[in-house]
N, C-alpha and C. Protein backbone atom coordinates (compact mmCIF):
# COMPACT_ATOMS: atom_id res chain seq x y z
N MET A 1 105.43 89.43 118.06
CA MET A 1 104.00 89.27 118.40
C MET A 1 103.11 89.54 117.20
N ASN A 2 103.46 90.56 116.42
CA ASN A 2 102.65 90.89 115.25
C ASN A 2 102.64 89.76 114.24
N ILE A 3 103.84 89.11 114.05
CA ILE A 3 103.95 88.03 113.08
C ILE A 3 103.10 86.84 113.53
N GLU A 4 103.15 86.52 114.81
CA GLU A 4 102.35 85.42 115.32
C GLU A 4 100.87 85.71 115.16
N LEU A 5 100.47 86.95 115.39
CA LEU A 5 99.06 87.33 115.28
C LEU A 5 98.60 87.18 113.84
N ARG A 6 99.43 87.54 112.88
CA ARG A 6 99.07 87.40 111.47
C ARG A 6 98.88 85.92 111.11
N HIS A 7 99.78 85.06 111.60
CA HIS A 7 99.67 83.65 111.25
C HIS A 7 98.39 83.03 111.81
N ILE A 8 98.01 83.48 112.99
CA ILE A 8 96.76 82.99 113.56
C ILE A 8 95.57 83.45 112.72
N GLU A 9 95.58 84.72 112.36
CA GLU A 9 94.46 85.29 111.63
C GLU A 9 94.31 84.69 110.24
N LEU A 10 95.43 84.29 109.62
CA LEU A 10 95.37 83.76 108.26
C LEU A 10 94.51 82.52 108.17
N HIS A 11 94.31 81.83 109.29
CA HIS A 11 93.61 80.55 109.24
C HIS A 11 92.16 80.66 109.68
N ASP A 12 91.68 81.87 109.95
CA ASP A 12 90.27 81.95 110.33
C ASP A 12 89.50 82.93 109.46
N TRP A 13 89.34 84.18 109.88
CA TRP A 13 88.39 85.04 109.18
C TRP A 13 88.85 85.45 107.78
N ILE A 14 90.15 85.55 107.54
CA ILE A 14 90.62 85.89 106.19
C ILE A 14 90.30 84.77 105.22
N ALA A 15 90.60 83.54 105.64
CA ALA A 15 90.29 82.38 104.79
C ALA A 15 88.79 82.26 104.55
N ILE A 16 88.00 82.48 105.61
CA ILE A 16 86.54 82.40 105.48
C ILE A 16 86.04 83.47 104.53
N THR A 17 86.60 84.69 104.63
CA THR A 17 86.18 85.78 103.74
C THR A 17 86.45 85.45 102.28
N LEU A 18 87.64 84.93 101.99
CA LEU A 18 87.98 84.57 100.62
C LEU A 18 87.12 83.43 100.10
N LEU A 19 86.90 82.43 100.94
CA LEU A 19 86.10 81.28 100.53
C LEU A 19 84.63 81.66 100.33
N LEU A 20 84.13 82.59 101.15
CA LEU A 20 82.75 83.04 100.96
C LEU A 20 82.58 83.73 99.62
N GLY A 21 83.61 84.49 99.21
CA GLY A 21 83.56 85.13 97.90
C GLY A 21 83.50 84.11 96.78
N VAL A 22 84.34 83.09 96.87
CA VAL A 22 84.34 82.02 95.86
C VAL A 22 83.00 81.29 95.87
N LEU A 23 82.48 81.02 97.07
CA LEU A 23 81.20 80.32 97.20
C LEU A 23 80.07 81.14 96.59
N LEU A 24 80.06 82.45 96.83
CA LEU A 24 79.02 83.31 96.28
C LEU A 24 79.05 83.29 94.76
N LEU A 25 80.23 83.34 94.17
CA LEU A 25 80.35 83.29 92.71
C LEU A 25 79.90 81.94 92.16
N SER A 26 80.21 80.88 92.90
CA SER A 26 79.80 79.54 92.46
C SER A 26 78.29 79.38 92.48
N ILE A 27 77.65 79.87 93.56
CA ILE A 27 76.19 79.79 93.66
C ILE A 27 75.54 80.63 92.57
N THR A 28 76.10 81.81 92.35
CA THR A 28 75.55 82.69 91.31
C THR A 28 75.64 82.02 89.94
N ARG A 29 76.77 81.41 89.66
CA ARG A 29 76.93 80.72 88.38
C ARG A 29 75.89 79.61 88.23
N TRP A 30 75.53 78.97 89.32
CA TRP A 30 74.57 77.87 89.28
C TRP A 30 73.18 78.39 88.87
N PHE A 31 72.82 79.59 89.34
CA PHE A 31 71.47 80.12 89.07
C PHE A 31 71.43 81.07 87.88
N SER A 32 72.56 81.52 87.41
CA SER A 32 72.58 82.46 86.30
C SER A 32 72.57 81.74 84.97
N THR A 33 71.88 82.32 84.00
CA THR A 33 71.84 81.73 82.66
C THR A 33 73.10 82.08 81.87
N PHE A 34 73.87 83.03 82.39
CA PHE A 34 75.11 83.41 81.72
C PHE A 34 76.30 82.69 82.35
N LEU A 35 77.30 82.41 81.53
CA LEU A 35 78.55 81.85 82.02
C LEU A 35 79.46 82.97 82.51
N ILE A 36 80.38 82.63 83.39
CA ILE A 36 81.35 83.62 83.85
C ILE A 36 82.18 84.11 82.68
N THR A 37 82.43 83.21 81.73
CA THR A 37 83.20 83.61 80.54
C THR A 37 82.47 84.66 79.72
N ASP A 38 81.13 84.67 79.79
CA ASP A 38 80.37 85.72 79.09
C ASP A 38 80.68 87.08 79.70
N LEU A 39 80.75 87.12 81.02
CA LEU A 39 81.09 88.37 81.70
C LEU A 39 82.52 88.80 81.38
N LEU A 40 83.45 87.87 81.48
CA LEU A 40 84.86 88.19 81.24
C LEU A 40 85.14 88.54 79.79
N SER A 41 84.27 88.11 78.89
CA SER A 41 84.47 88.43 77.47
C SER A 41 84.27 89.92 77.18
N SER A 42 83.73 90.66 78.16
CA SER A 42 83.50 92.09 77.96
C SER A 42 84.80 92.87 77.81
N TYR A 43 85.94 92.24 78.16
CA TYR A 43 87.23 92.89 77.93
C TYR A 43 87.51 93.03 76.43
N PHE A 44 86.91 92.14 75.64
CA PHE A 44 87.24 92.10 74.22
C PHE A 44 86.07 92.46 73.31
N LYS A 45 84.84 92.30 73.79
CA LYS A 45 83.67 92.63 72.98
C LYS A 45 82.54 93.10 73.88
N ASP A 46 81.59 93.81 73.30
CA ASP A 46 80.54 94.45 74.11
C ASP A 46 79.21 93.71 74.09
N ARG A 47 79.21 92.44 73.68
CA ARG A 47 77.95 91.69 73.61
C ARG A 47 77.28 91.60 74.97
N PHE A 48 78.02 91.19 76.00
CA PHE A 48 77.43 91.04 77.33
C PHE A 48 76.99 92.39 77.88
N ILE A 49 77.76 93.42 77.61
CA ILE A 49 77.41 94.77 78.08
C ILE A 49 76.06 95.19 77.52
N LYS A 50 75.84 94.92 76.24
CA LYS A 50 74.57 95.28 75.62
C LYS A 50 73.42 94.43 76.14
N LEU A 51 73.67 93.12 76.28
CA LEU A 51 72.62 92.23 76.76
C LEU A 51 72.21 92.54 78.19
N SER A 52 73.17 92.89 79.02
CA SER A 52 72.89 93.11 80.44
C SER A 52 72.38 94.51 80.75
N LYS A 53 72.37 95.37 79.74
CA LYS A 53 71.98 96.76 79.98
C LYS A 53 70.54 96.86 80.47
N ASN A 54 69.67 96.00 79.98
CA ASN A 54 68.27 96.00 80.39
C ASN A 54 67.91 94.75 81.17
N ASP A 55 68.93 94.13 81.80
CA ASP A 55 68.74 92.94 82.63
C ASP A 55 68.11 91.80 81.85
N GLU A 56 68.52 91.60 80.61
CA GLU A 56 68.00 90.49 79.82
C GLU A 56 68.51 89.17 80.37
N ASP A 57 67.61 88.21 80.46
CA ASP A 57 67.93 86.86 80.92
C ASP A 57 68.54 86.83 82.32
N GLY A 58 68.19 87.83 83.15
CA GLY A 58 68.65 87.82 84.53
C GLY A 58 70.13 88.03 84.70
N SER A 59 70.72 88.82 83.84
CA SER A 59 72.18 89.04 83.92
C SER A 59 72.58 89.82 85.17
N SER A 60 71.65 90.55 85.77
CA SER A 60 71.99 91.38 86.94
C SER A 60 72.46 90.52 88.11
N LEU A 61 71.99 89.28 88.22
CA LEU A 61 72.40 88.40 89.31
C LEU A 61 73.91 88.17 89.27
N LEU A 62 74.43 87.90 88.09
CA LEU A 62 75.86 87.67 87.93
C LEU A 62 76.65 88.94 88.19
N ILE A 63 76.14 90.07 87.72
CA ILE A 63 76.85 91.34 87.89
C ILE A 63 76.88 91.76 89.35
N ILE A 64 75.72 91.73 90.00
CA ILE A 64 75.63 92.19 91.39
C ILE A 64 76.49 91.34 92.31
N SER A 65 76.41 90.03 92.18
CA SER A 65 77.20 89.15 93.05
C SER A 65 78.69 89.36 92.81
N SER A 66 79.08 89.56 91.55
CA SER A 66 80.50 89.78 91.25
C SER A 66 80.98 91.12 91.79
N VAL A 67 80.13 92.15 91.74
CA VAL A 67 80.49 93.45 92.30
C VAL A 67 80.63 93.35 93.82
N VAL A 68 79.76 92.59 94.46
CA VAL A 68 79.86 92.37 95.91
C VAL A 68 81.20 91.72 96.25
N VAL A 69 81.57 90.71 95.48
CA VAL A 69 82.86 90.04 95.70
C VAL A 69 84.01 91.00 95.44
N TYR A 70 83.85 91.87 94.45
CA TYR A 70 84.86 92.89 94.16
C TYR A 70 85.07 93.80 95.38
N VAL A 71 83.98 94.27 95.97
CA VAL A 71 84.07 95.16 97.12
C VAL A 71 84.72 94.45 98.31
N ILE A 72 84.33 93.20 98.54
CA ILE A 72 84.89 92.42 99.64
C ILE A 72 86.40 92.25 99.47
N ASN A 73 86.83 91.93 98.26
CA ASN A 73 88.24 91.64 98.04
C ASN A 73 89.10 92.88 97.92
N ILE A 74 88.60 93.95 97.32
CA ILE A 74 89.39 95.17 97.25
C ILE A 74 89.56 95.77 98.64
N SER A 75 88.52 95.64 99.47
CA SER A 75 88.61 96.11 100.85
C SER A 75 89.62 95.29 101.64
N LEU A 76 89.61 93.97 101.43
CA LEU A 76 90.54 93.10 102.13
C LEU A 76 91.98 93.42 101.73
N PHE A 77 92.20 93.62 100.45
CA PHE A 77 93.55 93.92 99.99
C PHE A 77 94.05 95.25 100.55
N ILE A 78 93.21 96.28 100.46
CA ILE A 78 93.60 97.61 100.97
C ILE A 78 93.91 97.55 102.46
N TYR A 79 93.05 96.86 103.20
CA TYR A 79 93.24 96.77 104.65
C TYR A 79 94.54 96.04 104.99
N LEU A 80 94.75 94.88 104.39
CA LEU A 80 95.96 94.11 104.68
C LEU A 80 97.22 94.84 104.23
N CYS A 81 97.13 95.51 103.09
CA CYS A 81 98.28 96.26 102.57
C CYS A 81 98.67 97.38 103.54
N TYR A 82 97.67 98.11 104.01
CA TYR A 82 97.95 99.20 104.93
C TYR A 82 98.48 98.69 106.27
N GLN A 83 97.83 97.69 106.83
CA GLN A 83 98.26 97.15 108.12
C GLN A 83 99.66 96.56 108.04
N ASN A 84 99.95 95.91 106.93
CA ASN A 84 101.27 95.31 106.76
C ASN A 84 102.35 96.38 106.66
N SER A 85 102.06 97.46 105.94
CA SER A 85 103.04 98.54 105.78
C SER A 85 103.31 99.27 107.09
N GLN A 86 102.27 99.35 107.94
CA GLN A 86 102.40 100.04 109.22
C GLN A 86 102.79 99.10 110.36
N GLN A 87 102.89 97.81 110.05
CA GLN A 87 103.21 96.80 111.06
C GLN A 87 102.20 96.81 112.21
N HIS A 88 100.93 96.97 111.86
CA HIS A 88 99.86 96.94 112.85
C HIS A 88 99.23 95.56 112.89
N ALA A 89 98.58 95.26 113.99
CA ALA A 89 97.88 93.98 114.12
C ALA A 89 96.70 93.92 113.15
N ILE A 90 96.47 92.73 112.61
CA ILE A 90 95.38 92.52 111.66
C ILE A 90 94.19 91.94 112.41
N THR A 91 93.07 92.67 112.40
CA THR A 91 91.89 92.25 113.15
C THR A 91 90.65 92.28 112.26
N LEU A 92 89.67 91.50 112.65
CA LEU A 92 88.41 91.47 111.91
C LEU A 92 87.69 92.81 111.98
N ASN A 93 87.72 93.45 113.15
CA ASN A 93 87.05 94.75 113.31
C ASN A 93 87.63 95.80 112.37
N GLY A 94 88.95 95.79 112.23
CA GLY A 94 89.60 96.74 111.33
C GLY A 94 89.18 96.51 109.90
N TYR A 95 89.06 95.24 109.50
CA TYR A 95 88.63 94.93 108.14
C TYR A 95 87.18 95.37 107.91
N ILE A 96 86.33 95.14 108.89
CA ILE A 96 84.91 95.54 108.75
C ILE A 96 84.79 97.04 108.58
N LEU A 97 85.61 97.81 109.30
CA LEU A 97 85.60 99.27 109.14
C LEU A 97 86.05 99.66 107.74
N THR A 98 87.07 99.00 107.23
CA THR A 98 87.54 99.27 105.87
C THR A 98 86.48 98.90 104.84
N LEU A 99 85.87 97.75 105.03
CA LEU A 99 84.81 97.30 104.12
C LEU A 99 83.64 98.29 104.12
N THR A 100 83.30 98.79 105.30
CA THR A 100 82.23 99.78 105.41
C THR A 100 82.58 101.06 104.68
N ALA A 101 83.83 101.52 104.84
CA ALA A 101 84.27 102.76 104.19
C ALA A 101 84.22 102.62 102.67
N ILE A 102 84.72 101.50 102.14
CA ILE A 102 84.72 101.28 100.69
C ILE A 102 83.29 101.17 100.17
N SER A 103 82.43 100.50 100.93
CA SER A 103 81.02 100.36 100.53
C SER A 103 80.32 101.71 100.51
N VAL A 104 80.59 102.54 101.53
CA VAL A 104 80.02 103.88 101.59
C VAL A 104 80.47 104.70 100.39
N TYR A 105 81.75 104.57 100.05
CA TYR A 105 82.29 105.30 98.90
C TYR A 105 81.57 104.93 97.60
N ILE A 106 81.45 103.62 97.35
CA ILE A 106 80.83 103.15 96.10
C ILE A 106 79.35 103.49 96.06
N LEU A 107 78.65 103.29 97.18
CA LEU A 107 77.23 103.61 97.20
C LEU A 107 76.97 105.11 97.08
N SER A 108 77.80 105.91 97.75
CA SER A 108 77.64 107.37 97.65
C SER A 108 77.89 107.84 96.22
N ARG A 109 78.86 107.21 95.58
CA ARG A 109 79.15 107.53 94.18
C ARG A 109 77.93 107.23 93.30
N HIS A 110 77.28 106.11 93.58
CA HIS A 110 76.12 105.70 92.79
C HIS A 110 74.92 106.62 93.02
N PHE A 111 74.56 106.81 94.30
CA PHE A 111 73.35 107.58 94.59
C PHE A 111 73.54 109.08 94.37
N LEU A 112 74.73 109.58 94.62
CA LEU A 112 74.99 110.98 94.34
C LEU A 112 74.91 111.22 92.83
N GLY A 113 75.42 110.26 92.07
CA GLY A 113 75.33 110.38 90.62
C GLY A 113 73.89 110.39 90.14
N LYS A 114 73.07 109.51 90.72
CA LYS A 114 71.66 109.48 90.33
C LYS A 114 70.95 110.78 90.68
N LEU A 115 71.30 111.35 91.84
CA LEU A 115 70.68 112.60 92.26
C LEU A 115 71.03 113.73 91.29
N ILE A 116 72.32 113.86 90.99
CA ILE A 116 72.76 114.93 90.08
C ILE A 116 72.19 114.71 88.68
N ALA A 117 72.17 113.45 88.23
CA ALA A 117 71.64 113.15 86.90
C ALA A 117 70.17 113.48 86.80
N THR A 118 69.42 113.23 87.86
CA THR A 118 67.99 113.54 87.87
C THR A 118 67.76 115.05 87.84
N LEU A 119 68.54 115.76 88.64
CA LEU A 119 68.39 117.22 88.70
C LEU A 119 68.80 117.90 87.40
N CYS A 120 69.81 117.34 86.74
CA CYS A 120 70.35 117.98 85.53
C CYS A 120 69.92 117.28 84.25
N ASP A 121 69.07 116.28 84.39
CA ASP A 121 68.45 115.63 83.24
C ASP A 121 69.46 114.96 82.30
N PHE A 122 70.31 114.08 82.87
CA PHE A 122 71.15 113.24 82.01
C PHE A 122 71.23 111.83 82.60
N GLU A 123 70.04 111.33 83.01
CA GLU A 123 69.97 110.00 83.62
C GLU A 123 70.46 108.89 82.68
N GLU A 124 70.11 109.01 81.40
CA GLU A 124 70.48 107.95 80.45
C GLU A 124 72.00 107.84 80.32
N LEU A 125 72.67 108.98 80.24
CA LEU A 125 74.13 108.97 80.15
C LEU A 125 74.74 108.35 81.39
N LEU A 126 74.24 108.74 82.56
CA LEU A 126 74.75 108.19 83.81
C LEU A 126 74.54 106.68 83.88
N PHE A 127 73.36 106.23 83.47
CA PHE A 127 73.05 104.80 83.52
C PHE A 127 74.01 104.00 82.65
N ILE A 128 74.28 104.50 81.46
CA ILE A 128 75.17 103.78 80.53
C ILE A 128 76.57 103.67 81.09
N ILE A 129 77.11 104.79 81.58
CA ILE A 129 78.48 104.80 82.10
C ILE A 129 78.58 103.97 83.39
N ASP A 130 77.61 104.14 84.28
CA ASP A 130 77.63 103.42 85.55
C ASP A 130 77.51 101.91 85.33
N HIS A 131 76.68 101.53 84.38
CA HIS A 131 76.52 100.11 84.06
C HIS A 131 77.83 99.52 83.54
N HIS A 132 78.47 100.25 82.64
CA HIS A 132 79.74 99.79 82.09
C HIS A 132 80.80 99.69 83.19
N ARG A 133 80.81 100.66 84.09
CA ARG A 133 81.75 100.64 85.21
C ARG A 133 81.52 99.41 86.10
N ASN A 134 80.27 99.08 86.35
CA ASN A 134 79.97 97.91 87.18
C ASN A 134 80.37 96.61 86.49
N ILE A 135 80.28 96.58 85.17
CA ILE A 135 80.74 95.40 84.44
C ILE A 135 82.23 95.21 84.67
N TYR A 136 83.00 96.29 84.61
CA TYR A 136 84.44 96.21 84.83
C TYR A 136 84.75 95.79 86.27
N ARG A 137 83.99 96.32 87.22
CA ARG A 137 84.19 95.91 88.61
C ARG A 137 83.92 94.41 88.77
N ALA A 138 82.86 93.96 88.14
CA ALA A 138 82.49 92.54 88.22
C ALA A 138 83.58 91.66 87.63
N MET A 139 84.14 92.07 86.51
CA MET A 139 85.21 91.29 85.88
C MET A 139 86.46 91.28 86.76
N PHE A 140 86.76 92.42 87.36
CA PHE A 140 87.97 92.56 88.16
C PHE A 140 87.91 91.73 89.44
N ALA A 141 86.69 91.38 89.88
CA ALA A 141 86.53 90.60 91.11
C ALA A 141 87.28 89.29 91.04
N TYR A 142 87.27 88.65 89.89
CA TYR A 142 87.90 87.33 89.74
C TYR A 142 89.42 87.45 89.82
N LEU A 143 89.97 88.51 89.24
CA LEU A 143 91.41 88.73 89.34
C LEU A 143 91.82 89.08 90.76
N LEU A 144 90.97 89.85 91.45
CA LEU A 144 91.28 90.23 92.84
C LEU A 144 91.35 89.02 93.76
N ILE A 145 90.47 88.06 93.56
CA ILE A 145 90.50 86.85 94.37
C ILE A 145 91.83 86.13 94.19
N ILE A 146 92.27 86.03 92.94
CA ILE A 146 93.55 85.37 92.65
C ILE A 146 94.71 86.13 93.28
N ILE A 147 94.70 87.46 93.14
CA ILE A 147 95.76 88.28 93.72
C ILE A 147 95.81 88.12 95.23
N ASN A 148 94.66 88.15 95.88
CA ASN A 148 94.62 88.01 97.34
C ASN A 148 95.15 86.64 97.78
N PHE A 149 94.74 85.59 97.10
CA PHE A 149 95.22 84.26 97.45
C PHE A 149 96.74 84.17 97.30
N ILE A 150 97.27 84.72 96.21
CA ILE A 150 98.72 84.64 95.96
C ILE A 150 99.49 85.44 97.01
N VAL A 151 99.03 86.69 97.26
CA VAL A 151 99.76 87.55 98.20
C VAL A 151 99.67 87.02 99.62
N ILE A 152 98.48 86.57 100.03
CA ILE A 152 98.28 86.15 101.42
C ILE A 152 98.87 84.77 101.70
N TYR A 153 98.63 83.81 100.80
CA TYR A 153 99.06 82.45 101.07
C TYR A 153 100.30 82.04 100.28
N GLY A 154 100.47 82.59 99.08
CA GLY A 154 101.65 82.25 98.30
C GLY A 154 102.91 82.93 98.81
N TYR A 155 102.78 84.24 99.14
CA TYR A 155 103.93 85.01 99.61
C TYR A 155 103.84 85.41 101.08
N ARG A 156 102.86 84.88 101.79
CA ARG A 156 102.70 85.12 103.23
C ARG A 156 102.74 86.60 103.57
N MET A 157 102.02 87.41 102.75
CA MET A 157 101.90 88.85 102.95
C MET A 157 103.25 89.56 102.95
N ASN A 158 104.10 89.14 102.04
CA ASN A 158 105.40 89.79 101.86
C ASN A 158 105.21 91.22 101.40
N GLU A 159 106.02 92.14 101.91
CA GLU A 159 105.87 93.56 101.59
C GLU A 159 106.07 93.84 100.11
N ALA A 160 107.04 93.17 99.49
CA ALA A 160 107.29 93.36 98.06
C ALA A 160 106.10 92.87 97.23
N ALA A 161 105.51 91.75 97.63
CA ALA A 161 104.35 91.23 96.91
C ALA A 161 103.18 92.19 97.00
N PHE A 162 102.98 92.78 98.18
CA PHE A 162 101.92 93.78 98.34
C PHE A 162 102.18 94.99 97.44
N PHE A 163 103.42 95.44 97.39
CA PHE A 163 103.75 96.62 96.59
C PHE A 163 103.51 96.38 95.10
N ILE A 164 103.98 95.25 94.61
CA ILE A 164 103.78 94.92 93.19
C ILE A 164 102.29 94.78 92.87
N SER A 165 101.55 94.12 93.75
CA SER A 165 100.12 93.94 93.55
C SER A 165 99.38 95.27 93.59
N LEU A 166 99.79 96.15 94.51
CA LEU A 166 99.17 97.46 94.62
C LEU A 166 99.36 98.27 93.34
N ILE A 167 100.56 98.26 92.80
CA ILE A 167 100.83 98.96 91.54
C ILE A 167 99.99 98.37 90.41
N THR A 168 99.91 97.04 90.37
CA THR A 168 99.13 96.37 89.32
C THR A 168 97.66 96.74 89.40
N ILE A 169 97.09 96.70 90.61
CA ILE A 169 95.68 97.02 90.80
C ILE A 169 95.40 98.48 90.45
N ALA A 170 96.28 99.38 90.88
CA ALA A 170 96.11 100.80 90.59
C ALA A 170 96.15 101.06 89.09
N LEU A 171 97.05 100.40 88.38
CA LEU A 171 97.14 100.57 86.92
C LEU A 171 95.89 100.05 86.22
N ILE A 172 95.38 98.92 86.69
CA ILE A 172 94.16 98.36 86.08
C ILE A 172 92.97 99.28 86.31
N LEU A 173 92.82 99.79 87.54
CA LEU A 173 91.71 100.70 87.83
C LEU A 173 91.83 101.98 87.01
N PHE A 174 93.04 102.50 86.89
CA PHE A 174 93.27 103.71 86.09
C PHE A 174 92.96 103.44 84.61
N LEU A 175 93.36 102.27 84.14
CA LEU A 175 93.15 101.93 82.74
C LEU A 175 91.67 101.82 82.41
N TYR A 176 90.90 101.14 83.26
CA TYR A 176 89.49 100.97 82.90
C TYR A 176 88.71 102.28 83.03
N ASN A 177 89.20 103.21 83.85
CA ASN A 177 88.57 104.53 83.87
C ASN A 177 88.89 105.30 82.59
N LEU A 178 90.11 105.15 82.08
CA LEU A 178 90.46 105.78 80.80
C LEU A 178 89.63 105.19 79.67
N ILE A 179 89.43 103.87 79.71
CA ILE A 179 88.62 103.22 78.68
C ILE A 179 87.19 103.74 78.71
N LEU A 180 86.64 103.92 79.91
CA LEU A 180 85.28 104.45 80.04
C LEU A 180 85.18 105.85 79.45
N ILE A 181 86.12 106.71 79.79
CA ILE A 181 86.10 108.08 79.29
C ILE A 181 86.24 108.09 77.77
N TYR A 182 87.15 107.23 77.25
CA TYR A 182 87.35 107.18 75.80
C TYR A 182 86.11 106.63 75.09
N THR A 183 85.51 105.59 75.67
CA THR A 183 84.35 104.96 75.04
C THR A 183 83.17 105.93 74.93
N TYR A 184 82.97 106.75 75.98
CA TYR A 184 81.82 107.66 75.99
C TYR A 184 82.25 109.12 75.84
N ARG A 185 83.38 109.31 75.18
CA ARG A 185 83.91 110.66 75.02
C ARG A 185 82.96 111.58 74.26
N SER A 186 82.20 111.00 73.31
CA SER A 186 81.28 111.83 72.53
C SER A 186 80.16 112.39 73.39
N PHE A 187 79.80 111.67 74.48
CA PHE A 187 78.78 112.15 75.41
C PHE A 187 79.39 113.09 76.45
N VAL A 188 80.50 112.61 77.05
CA VAL A 188 81.10 113.36 78.16
C VAL A 188 81.63 114.71 77.71
N PHE A 189 82.26 114.74 76.53
CA PHE A 189 82.87 115.97 76.06
C PHE A 189 81.97 116.75 75.11
N ALA A 190 80.69 116.36 75.06
CA ALA A 190 79.76 117.06 74.17
C ALA A 190 79.63 118.52 74.57
N SER A 191 79.75 118.77 75.87
CA SER A 191 79.73 120.15 76.35
C SER A 191 80.53 120.21 77.64
N ILE A 192 81.06 121.37 77.94
CA ILE A 192 81.83 121.56 79.15
C ILE A 192 80.97 121.33 80.39
N PHE A 193 79.67 121.56 80.25
CA PHE A 193 78.73 121.38 81.36
C PHE A 193 78.68 119.91 81.77
N TYR A 194 78.51 119.00 80.79
CA TYR A 194 78.44 117.58 81.11
C TYR A 194 79.78 117.06 81.61
N PHE A 195 80.88 117.60 81.09
CA PHE A 195 82.19 117.15 81.54
C PHE A 195 82.41 117.50 83.01
N ILE A 196 82.02 118.72 83.39
CA ILE A 196 82.16 119.13 84.79
C ILE A 196 81.26 118.29 85.69
N LEU A 197 80.05 118.02 85.24
CA LEU A 197 79.14 117.18 86.01
C LEU A 197 79.70 115.77 86.17
N TYR A 198 80.32 115.28 85.09
CA TYR A 198 80.92 113.94 85.15
C TYR A 198 82.01 113.89 86.22
N LEU A 199 82.88 114.89 86.22
CA LEU A 199 83.96 114.93 87.21
C LEU A 199 83.40 115.04 88.62
N CYS A 200 82.40 115.89 88.80
CA CYS A 200 81.82 116.08 90.14
C CYS A 200 81.12 114.82 90.62
N THR A 201 80.40 114.17 89.71
CA THR A 201 79.60 113.01 90.09
C THR A 201 80.45 111.79 90.38
N PHE A 202 81.43 111.51 89.53
CA PHE A 202 82.18 110.26 89.63
C PHE A 202 83.54 110.39 90.30
N GLU A 203 84.16 111.56 90.23
CA GLU A 203 85.55 111.62 90.63
C GLU A 203 85.83 112.48 91.86
N ILE A 204 85.01 113.49 92.15
CA ILE A 204 85.34 114.43 93.22
C ILE A 204 84.46 114.22 94.46
N ALA A 205 83.16 114.35 94.28
CA ALA A 205 82.24 114.29 95.43
C ALA A 205 82.35 113.00 96.24
N PRO A 206 82.45 111.80 95.61
CA PRO A 206 82.56 110.58 96.42
C PRO A 206 83.78 110.57 97.34
N TYR A 207 84.90 111.15 96.87
CA TYR A 207 86.09 111.19 97.71
C TYR A 207 85.88 112.13 98.90
N LEU A 208 85.15 113.21 98.68
CA LEU A 208 84.85 114.12 99.78
C LEU A 208 83.99 113.43 100.83
N LEU A 209 83.01 112.64 100.37
CA LEU A 209 82.15 111.91 101.31
C LEU A 209 82.95 110.86 102.06
N LEU A 210 83.87 110.18 101.37
CA LEU A 210 84.71 109.17 102.02
C LEU A 210 85.59 109.83 103.08
N TYR A 211 86.12 111.00 102.76
CA TYR A 211 86.96 111.74 103.71
C TYR A 211 86.15 112.11 104.95
N LYS A 212 84.91 112.58 104.73
CA LYS A 212 84.04 112.92 105.86
C LYS A 212 83.78 111.69 106.73
N TYR A 213 83.57 110.54 106.08
CA TYR A 213 83.30 109.30 106.83
C TYR A 213 84.50 108.94 107.69
N ILE A 214 85.71 109.01 107.11
CA ILE A 214 86.92 108.62 107.84
C ILE A 214 87.17 109.56 109.03
N MET A 215 86.84 110.86 108.84
CA MET A 215 87.12 111.85 109.87
C MET A 215 86.09 111.89 110.98
N LEU A 216 84.99 111.09 110.83
CA LEU A 216 83.96 111.09 111.87
C LEU A 216 84.52 110.51 113.19
């Protein structure tokens, strides 16, 4: 019964969710003055990061839409991966709950960071790091779409494919966090005070809020 339910679901809301992500990126590209390749070039050079820091030429449209697609696809992957491992039925309501939880986590991370930065007077540092982090999320959105299509339709949600993809995604997320810390090490490690604030703002408090949300 579970297998039949998955096959039915693959042809409706999952497909629509993936296609909406692709459509959103296509529409954004149509209205944005930047090419998608400009965004993806941030893996190798910081030109786009510098240009988009002050929203020059409307770069925020491309970043925001790509981050939205990132959230949609990372939530979809996490939900399907968990349901598949537990052999539970895959439903739209379950995905919406997962999407809400991931969105709450990311938004709480952002606004909690702004609150702490305002109180402790390091808004500029927070803005620089958070902006760079969003650039990486935006870039990762395109890879996530490909991974989801391959795992869902290429391998029909095979458990091994989910496991390999999960390890790959975890390594990429870990790597870009290391890159962020290394890139801004002169700011973060300037004093033990800022380092502790960095950990509290970005790494500890958001997980506590996510835990509270799940336990409600």
